[in-house]
Amino acid sequence: MEIYTVEFAPKAQTQRVDLYRYIAEQGAIRNAFDYTEFIAAQCESLRILRTGERAATTSALGFASPTLLARLW
């Protein structure tokens, strides 16, 4: 198992806030928080990869470095 650092790109952080605001403006503040936190947690879960998963996961994301940059937004 390998452990990496997940860093959110500035654009991803902005999009996360924008998404939160959009959902909250629809009257669902709790849903906005839960949904955006879920997305962030899924991205952060990429920091732990079992041996053999690294190549497939990093290749699918378009980069292969010890630092996984969360560009999933």
PDB file of N, CA and C in Angstrom:
ATOM      1  N   MET A   1       0.846  -1.163   0.000  1.00  0.00           N
ATOM      2  CA  MET A   1       0.000   0.000   0.000  1.00  0.00           C
ATOM      3  C   MET A   1       0.899   1.236   0.000  1.00  0.00           C
ATOM      4  N   GLU A   2       0.533   2.203  -0.830  1.00  0.00           N
ATOM      5  CA  GLU A   2       1.272   3.449  -0.909  1.00  0.00           C
ATOM      6  C   GLU A   2       0.358   4.592  -0.474  1.00  0.00           C
ATOM      7  N   ILE A   3       0.938   5.581   0.202  1.00  0.00           N
ATOM      8  CA  ILE A   3       0.167   6.734   0.645  1.00  0.00           C
ATOM      9  C   ILE A   3       0.696   7.975  -0.064  1.00  0.00           C
ATOM     10  N   TYR A   4      -0.204   8.735  -0.631  1.00  0.00           N
ATOM     11  CA  TYR A   4       0.128   9.935  -1.382  1.00  0.00           C
ATOM     12  C   TYR A   4      -0.528  11.148  -0.743  1.00  0.00           C
ATOM     13  N   THR A   5      -0.208  12.313  -1.253  1.00  0.00           N
ATOM     14  CA  THR A   5      -0.836  13.549  -0.824  1.00  0.00           C
ATOM     15  C   THR A   5      -1.828  13.973  -1.900  1.00  0.00           C
ATOM     16  N   VAL A   6      -3.011  14.307  -1.493  1.00  0.00           N
ATOM     17  CA  VAL A   6      -4.017  14.812  -2.427  1.00  0.00           C
ATOM     18  C   VAL A   6      -4.072  16.326  -2.252  1.00  0.00           C
ATOM     19  N   GLU A   7      -3.862  17.041  -3.341  1.00  0.00           N
ATOM     20  CA  GLU A   7      -3.933  18.494  -3.318  1.00  0.00           C
ATOM     21  C   GLU A   7      -5.026  18.936  -4.284  1.00  0.00           C
ATOM     22  N   PHE A   8      -5.862  19.850  -3.845  1.00  0.00           N
ATOM     23  CA  PHE A   8      -6.926  20.349  -4.702  1.00  0.00           C
ATOM     24  C   PHE A   8      -6.420  21.569  -5.481  1.00  0.00           C
ATOM     25  N   ALA A   9      -6.606  21.535  -6.776  1.00  0.00           N
ATOM     26  CA  ALA A   9      -6.233  22.666  -7.615  1.00  0.00           C
ATOM     27  C   ALA A   9      -7.088  23.864  -7.230  1.00  0.00           C
ATOM     28  N   PRO A  10      -6.554  25.086  -7.377  1.00  0.00           N
ATOM     29  CA  PRO A  10      -7.361  26.267  -7.052  1.00  0.00           C
ATOM     30  C   PRO A  10      -8.706  26.283  -7.779  1.00  0.00           C
ATOM     31  N   LYS A  11      -8.725  25.869  -9.028  1.00  0.00           N
ATOM     32  CA  LYS A  11      -9.986  25.833  -9.781  1.00  0.00           C
ATOM     33  C   LYS A  11     -10.964  24.839  -9.149  1.00  0.00           C
ATOM     34  N   ALA A  12     -10.457  23.715  -8.681  1.00  0.00           N
ATOM     35  CA  ALA A  12     -11.316  22.717  -8.040  1.00  0.00           C
ATOM     36  C   ALA A  12     -11.909  23.272  -6.750  1.00  0.00           C
ATOM     37  N   GLN A  13     -11.112  24.017  -5.995  1.00  0.00           N
ATOM     38  CA  GLN A  13     -11.613  24.609  -4.755  1.00  0.00           C
ATOM     39  C   GLN A  13     -12.709  25.630  -5.059  1.00  0.00           C
ATOM     40  N   THR A  14     -12.494  26.445  -6.076  1.00  0.00           N
ATOM     41  CA  THR A  14     -13.493  27.438  -6.468  1.00  0.00           C
ATOM     42  C   THR A  14     -14.779  26.758  -6.921  1.00  0.00           C
ATOM     43  N   GLN A  15     -14.640  25.701  -7.714  1.00  0.00           N
ATOM     44  CA  GLN A  15     -15.821  24.989  -8.202  1.00  0.00           C
ATOM     45  C   GLN A  15     -16.582  24.321  -7.063  1.00  0.00           C
ATOM     46  N   ARG A  16     -15.866  23.848  -6.073  1.00  0.00           N
ATOM     47  CA  ARG A  16     -16.518  23.236  -4.917  1.00  0.00           C
ATOM     48  C   ARG A  16     -17.367  24.270  -4.173  1.00  0.00           C
ATOM     49  N   VAL A  17     -16.815  25.461  -3.969  1.00  0.00           N
ATOM     50  CA  VAL A  17     -17.558  26.534  -3.304  1.00  0.00           C
ATOM     51  C   VAL A  17     -18.756  26.952  -4.149  1.00  0.00           C
ATOM     52  N   ASP A  18     -18.547  27.082  -5.451  1.00  0.00           N
ATOM     53  CA  ASP A  18     -19.647  27.453  -6.347  1.00  0.00           C
ATOM     54  C   ASP A  18     -20.771  26.423  -6.302  1.00  0.00           C
ATOM     55  N   LEU A  19     -20.401  25.150  -6.286  1.00  0.00           N
ATOM     56  CA  LEU A  19     -21.401  24.085  -6.224  1.00  0.00           C
ATOM     57  C   LEU A  19     -22.163  24.151  -4.903  1.00  0.00           C
ATOM     58  N   TYR A  20     -21.435  24.356  -3.818  1.00  0.00           N
ATOM     59  CA  TYR A  20     -22.072  24.489  -2.508  1.00  0.00           C
ATOM     60  C   TYR A  20     -23.098  25.625  -2.528  1.00  0.00           C
ATOM     61  N   ARG A  21     -22.679  26.784  -3.034  1.00  0.00           N
ATOM     62  CA  ARG A  21     -23.571  27.948  -3.068  1.00  0.00           C
ATOM     63  C   ARG A  21     -24.808  27.683  -3.923  1.00  0.00           C
ATOM     64  N   TYR A  22     -24.605  27.043  -5.066  1.00  0.00           N
ATOM     65  CA  TYR A  22     -25.728  26.755  -5.955  1.00  0.00           C
ATOM     66  C   TYR A  22     -26.767  25.869  -5.252  1.00  0.00           C
ATOM     67  N   ILE A  23     -26.302  24.792  -4.629  1.00  0.00           N
ATOM     68  CA  ILE A  23     -27.223  23.867  -3.954  1.00  0.00           C
ATOM     69  C   ILE A  23     -27.886  24.570  -2.765  1.00  0.00           C
ATOM     70  N   ALA A  24     -27.108  25.337  -2.009  1.00  0.00           N
ATOM     71  CA  ALA A  24     -27.651  26.045  -0.841  1.00  0.00           C
ATOM     72  C   ALA A  24     -28.718  27.053  -1.255  1.00  0.00           C
ATOM     73  N   GLU A  25     -28.490  27.730  -2.381  1.00  0.00           N
ATOM     74  CA  GLU A  25     -29.471  28.717  -2.858  1.00  0.00           C
ATOM     75  C   GLU A  25     -30.802  28.071  -3.251  1.00  0.00           C
ATOM     76  N   GLN A  26     -30.776  26.782  -3.523  1.00  0.00           N
ATOM     77  CA  GLN A  26     -32.006  26.071  -3.856  1.00  0.00           C
ATOM     78  C   GLN A  26     -32.770  25.681  -2.587  1.00  0.00           C
ATOM     79  N   GLY A  27     -32.226  26.067  -1.432  1.00  0.00           N
ATOM     80  CA  GLY A  27     -32.899  25.811  -0.165  1.00  0.00           C
ATOM     81  C   GLY A  27     -32.451  24.546   0.534  1.00  0.00           C
ATOM     82  N   ALA A  28     -31.332  24.000   0.124  1.00  0.00           N
ATOM     83  CA  ALA A  28     -30.876  22.736   0.699  1.00  0.00           C
ATOM     84  C   ALA A  28     -29.460  22.891   1.264  1.00  0.00           C
ATOM     85  N   ILE A  29     -29.338  23.709   2.302  1.00  0.00           N
ATOM     86  CA  ILE A  29     -28.016  24.001   2.870  1.00  0.00           C
ATOM     87  C   ILE A  29     -27.338  22.735   3.378  1.00  0.00           C
ATOM     88  N   ARG A  30     -28.075  21.900   4.088  1.00  0.00           N
ATOM     89  CA  ARG A  30     -27.474  20.653   4.623  1.00  0.00           C
ATOM     90  C   ARG A  30     -27.039  19.744   3.476  1.00  0.00           C
ATOM     91  N   ASN A  31     -27.855  19.649   2.437  1.00  0.00           N
ATOM     92  CA  ASN A  31     -27.493  18.828   1.276  1.00  0.00           C
ATOM     93  C   ASN A  31     -26.253  19.384   0.590  1.00  0.00           C
ATOM     94  N   ALA A  32     -26.140  20.707   0.523  1.00  0.00           N
ATOM     95  CA  ALA A  32     -24.977  21.335  -0.107  1.00  0.00           C
ATOM     96  C   ALA A  32     -23.700  20.931   0.624  1.00  0.00           C
ATOM     97  N   PHE A  33     -23.750  20.997   1.947  1.00  0.00           N
ATOM     98  CA  PHE A  33     -22.585  20.625   2.747  1.00  0.00           C
ATOM     99  C   PHE A  33     -22.262  19.143   2.564  1.00  0.00           C
ATOM    100  N   ASP A  34     -23.273  18.296   2.737  1.00  0.00           N
ATOM    101  CA  ASP A  34     -23.050  16.852   2.629  1.00  0.00           C
ATOM    102  C   ASP A  34     -22.497  16.462   1.261  1.00  0.00           C
ATOM    103  N   TYR A  35     -23.058  17.020   0.208  1.00  0.00           N
ATOM    104  CA  TYR A  35     -22.659  16.651  -1.153  1.00  0.00           C
ATOM    105  C   TYR A  35     -21.235  17.092  -1.456  1.00  0.00           C
ATOM    106  N   THR A  36     -20.899  18.338  -1.127  1.00  0.00           N
ATOM    107  CA  THR A  36     -19.549  18.816  -1.432  1.00  0.00           C
ATOM    108  C   THR A  36     -18.503  18.131  -0.549  1.00  0.00           C
ATOM    109  N   GLU A  37     -18.863  17.802   0.682  1.00  0.00           N
ATOM    110  CA  GLU A  37     -17.932  17.059   1.541  1.00  0.00           C
ATOM    111  C   GLU A  37     -17.731  15.636   1.021  1.00  0.00           C
ATOM    112  N   PHE A  38     -18.792  15.028   0.503  1.00  0.00           N
ATOM    113  CA  PHE A  38     -18.685  13.685  -0.069  1.00  0.00           C
ATOM    114  C   PHE A  38     -17.715  13.682  -1.257  1.00  0.00           C
ATOM    115  N   ILE A  39     -17.854  14.680  -2.125  1.00  0.00           N
ATOM    116  CA  ILE A  39     -16.960  14.770  -3.286  1.00  0.00           C
ATOM    117  C   ILE A  39     -15.511  14.920  -2.821  1.00  0.00           C
ATOM    118  N   ALA A  40     -15.273  15.791  -1.861  1.00  0.00           N
ATOM    119  CA  ALA A  40     -13.913  15.993  -1.354  1.00  0.00           C
ATOM    120  C   ALA A  40     -13.371  14.707  -0.727  1.00  0.00           C
ATOM    121  N   ALA A  41     -14.197  14.009   0.027  1.00  0.00           N
ATOM    122  CA  ALA A  41     -13.759  12.761   0.663  1.00  0.00           C
ATOM    123  C   ALA A  41     -13.400  11.706  -0.380  1.00  0.00           C
ATOM    124  N   GLN A  42     -14.160  11.648  -1.476  1.00  0.00           N
ATOM    125  CA  GLN A  42     -13.849  10.690  -2.536  1.00  0.00           C
ATOM    126  C   GLN A  42     -12.499  11.013  -3.159  1.00  0.00           C
ATOM    127  N   CYS A  43     -12.236  12.284  -3.384  1.00  0.00           N
ATOM    128  CA  CYS A  43     -10.939  12.695  -3.927  1.00  0.00           C
ATOM    129  C   CYS A  43      -9.816  12.352  -2.953  1.00  0.00           C
ATOM    130  N   GLU A  44     -10.030  12.647  -1.683  1.00  0.00           N
ATOM    131  CA  GLU A  44      -9.016  12.385  -0.670  1.00  0.00           C
ATOM    132  C   GLU A  44      -8.772  10.894  -0.466  1.00  0.00           C
ATOM    133  N   SER A  45      -9.741  10.068  -0.789  1.00  0.00           N
ATOM    134  CA  SER A  45      -9.564   8.620  -0.635  1.00  0.00           C
ATOM    135  C   SER A  45      -8.523   8.080  -1.617  1.00  0.00           C
ATOM    136  N   LEU A  46      -8.180   8.863  -2.630  1.00  0.00           N
ATOM    137  CA  LEU A  46      -7.164   8.439  -3.593  1.00  0.00           C
ATOM    138  C   LEU A  46      -5.760   8.442  -2.990  1.00  0.00           C
ATOM    139  N   ARG A  47      -5.602   8.981  -1.789  1.00  0.00           N
ATOM    140  CA  ARG A  47      -4.270   9.035  -1.190  1.00  0.00           C
ATOM    141  C   ARG A  47      -3.739   7.672  -0.805  1.00  0.00           C
ATOM    142  N   ILE A  48      -4.625   6.720  -0.589  1.00  0.00           N
ATOM    143  CA  ILE A  48      -4.197   5.370  -0.222  1.00  0.00           C
ATOM    144  C   ILE A  48      -4.511   4.425  -1.376  1.00  0.00           C
ATOM    145  N   LEU A  49      -3.469   3.852  -1.931  1.00  0.00           N
ATOM    146  CA  LEU A  49      -3.627   2.914  -3.041  1.00  0.00           C
ATOM    147  C   LEU A  49      -2.929   1.608  -2.697  1.00  0.00           C
ATOM    148  N   ARG A  50      -3.605   0.526  -2.954  1.00  0.00           N
ATOM    149  CA  ARG A  50      -2.978  -0.779  -2.752  1.00  0.00           C
ATOM    150  C   ARG A  50      -1.950  -1.003  -3.855  1.00  0.00           C
ATOM    151  N   THR A  51      -0.949  -1.794  -3.573  1.00  0.00           N
ATOM    152  CA  THR A  51       0.080  -2.102  -4.556  1.00  0.00           C
ATOM    153  C   THR A  51      -0.567  -2.626  -5.828  1.00  0.00           C
ATOM    154  N   GLY A  52      -0.161  -2.078  -6.965  1.00  0.00           N
ATOM    155  CA  GLY A  52      -0.692  -2.508  -8.244  1.00  0.00           C
ATOM    156  C   GLY A  52      -1.792  -1.610  -8.766  1.00  0.00           C
ATOM    157  N   GLU A  53      -2.404  -0.810  -7.903  1.00  0.00           N
ATOM    158  CA  GLU A  53      -3.476   0.089  -8.339  1.00  0.00           C
ATOM    159  C   GLU A  53      -2.932   1.417  -8.825  1.00  0.00           C
ATOM    160  N   ARG A  54      -1.716   1.755  -8.443  1.00  0.00           N
ATOM    161  CA  ARG A  54      -1.168   3.076  -8.735  1.00  0.00           C
ATOM    162  C   ARG A  54      -1.171   3.391 -10.220  1.00  0.00           C
ATOM    163  N   ALA A  55      -0.671   2.506 -11.028  1.00  0.00           N
ATOM    164  CA  ALA A  55      -0.553   2.787 -12.459  1.00  0.00           C
ATOM    165  C   ALA A  55      -1.914   3.016 -13.097  1.00  0.00           C
ATOM    166  N   ALA A  56      -2.874   2.177 -12.787  1.00  0.00           N
ATOM    167  CA  ALA A  56      -4.195   2.310 -13.396  1.00  0.00           C
ATOM    168  C   ALA A  56      -4.890   3.593 -12.939  1.00  0.00           C
ATOM    169  N   THR A  57      -4.807   3.897 -11.655  1.00  0.00           N
ATOM    170  CA  THR A  57      -5.491   5.070 -11.135  1.00  0.00           C
ATOM    171  C   THR A  57      -4.845   6.358 -11.626  1.00  0.00           C
ATOM    172  N   THR A  58      -3.534   6.458 -11.520  1.00  0.00           N
ATOM    173  CA  THR A  58      -2.887   7.693 -11.930  1.00  0.00           C
ATOM    174  C   THR A  58      -2.984   7.881 -13.432  1.00  0.00           C
ATOM    175  N   SER A  59      -2.947   6.804 -14.180  1.00  0.00           N
ATOM    176  CA  SER A  59      -3.080   6.915 -15.630  1.00  0.00           C
ATOM    177  C   SER A  59      -4.477   7.406 -16.006  1.00  0.00           C
ATOM    178  N   ALA A  60      -5.488   6.916 -15.318  1.00  0.00           N
ATOM    179  CA  ALA A  60      -6.857   7.315 -15.608  1.00  0.00           C
ATOM    180  C   ALA A  60      -7.071   8.793 -15.296  1.00  0.00           C
ATOM    181  N   LEU A  61      -6.333   9.318 -14.322  1.00  0.00           N
ATOM    182  CA  LEU A  61      -6.474  10.713 -13.954  1.00  0.00           C
ATOM    183  C   LEU A  61      -5.606  11.622 -14.820  1.00  0.00           C
ATOM    184  N   GLY A  62      -4.745  11.048 -15.625  1.00  0.00           N
ATOM    185  CA  GLY A  62      -3.950  11.846 -16.540  1.00  0.00           C
ATOM    186  C   GLY A  62      -2.617  12.298 -15.999  1.00  0.00           C
ATOM    187  N   PHE A  63      -2.180  11.780 -14.874  1.00  0.00           N
ATOM    188  CA  PHE A  63      -0.870  12.124 -14.362  1.00  0.00           C
ATOM    189  C   PHE A  63      -0.363  10.983 -13.500  1.00  0.00           C
ATOM    190  N   ALA A  64       0.937  10.907 -13.366  1.00  0.00           N
ATOM    191  CA  ALA A  64       1.523   9.841 -12.555  1.00  0.00           C
ATOM    192  C   ALA A  64       2.664  10.429 -11.741  1.00  0.00           C
ATOM    193  N   SER A  65       2.346  10.867 -10.552  1.00  0.00           N
ATOM    194  CA  SER A  65       3.375  11.412  -9.679  1.00  0.00           C
ATOM    195  C   SER A  65       3.041  11.028  -8.251  1.00  0.00           C
ATOM    196  N   PRO A  66       3.986  11.157  -7.350  1.00  0.00           N
ATOM    197  CA  PRO A  66       3.705  10.830  -5.950  1.00  0.00           C
ATOM    198  C   PRO A  66       2.605  11.701  -5.339  1.00  0.00           C
ATOM    199  N   THR A  67       2.354  12.846  -5.910  1.00  0.00           N
ATOM    200  CA  THR A  67       1.292  13.710  -5.422  1.00  0.00           C
ATOM    201  C   THR A  67       0.121  13.616  -6.372  1.00  0.00           C
ATOM    202  N   LEU A  68      -1.014  13.177  -5.857  1.00  0.00           N
ATOM    203  CA  LEU A  68      -2.226  13.112  -6.689  1.00  0.00           C
ATOM    204  C   LEU A  68      -2.940  14.439  -6.591  1.00  0.00           C
ATOM    205  N   LEU A  69      -3.080  15.101  -7.714  1.00  0.00           N
ATOM    206  CA  LEU A  69      -3.756  16.394  -7.750  1.00  0.00           C
ATOM    207  C   LEU A  69      -5.210  16.139  -8.122  1.00  0.00           C
ATOM    208  N   ALA A  70      -6.102  16.468  -7.212  1.00  0.00           N
ATOM    209  CA  ALA A  70      -7.509  16.171  -7.423  1.00  0.00           C
ATOM    210  C   ALA A  70      -8.074  17.121  -8.478  1.00  0.00           C
ATOM    211  N   ARG A  71      -8.237  16.605  -9.666  1.00  0.00           N
ATOM    212  CA  ARG A  71      -8.796  17.372 -10.776  1.00  0.00           C
ATOM    213  C   ARG A  71     -10.104  16.741 -11.223  1.00  0.00           C
ATOM    214  N   LEU A  72     -10.854  16.255 -10.296  1.00  0.00           N
ATOM    215  CA  LEU A  72     -12.048  15.513 -10.611  1.00  0.00           C
ATOM    216  C   LEU A  72     -13.292  16.381 -10.672  1.00  0.00           C
ATOM    217  N   TRP A  73     -13.128  17.656 -10.636  1.00  0.00           N
ATOM    218  CA  TRP A  73     -14.268  18.556 -10.639  1.00  0.00           C
ATOM    219  C   TRP A  73     -14.614  18.819 -12.011  1.00  0.00           C
TER     220      TRP A  73
END
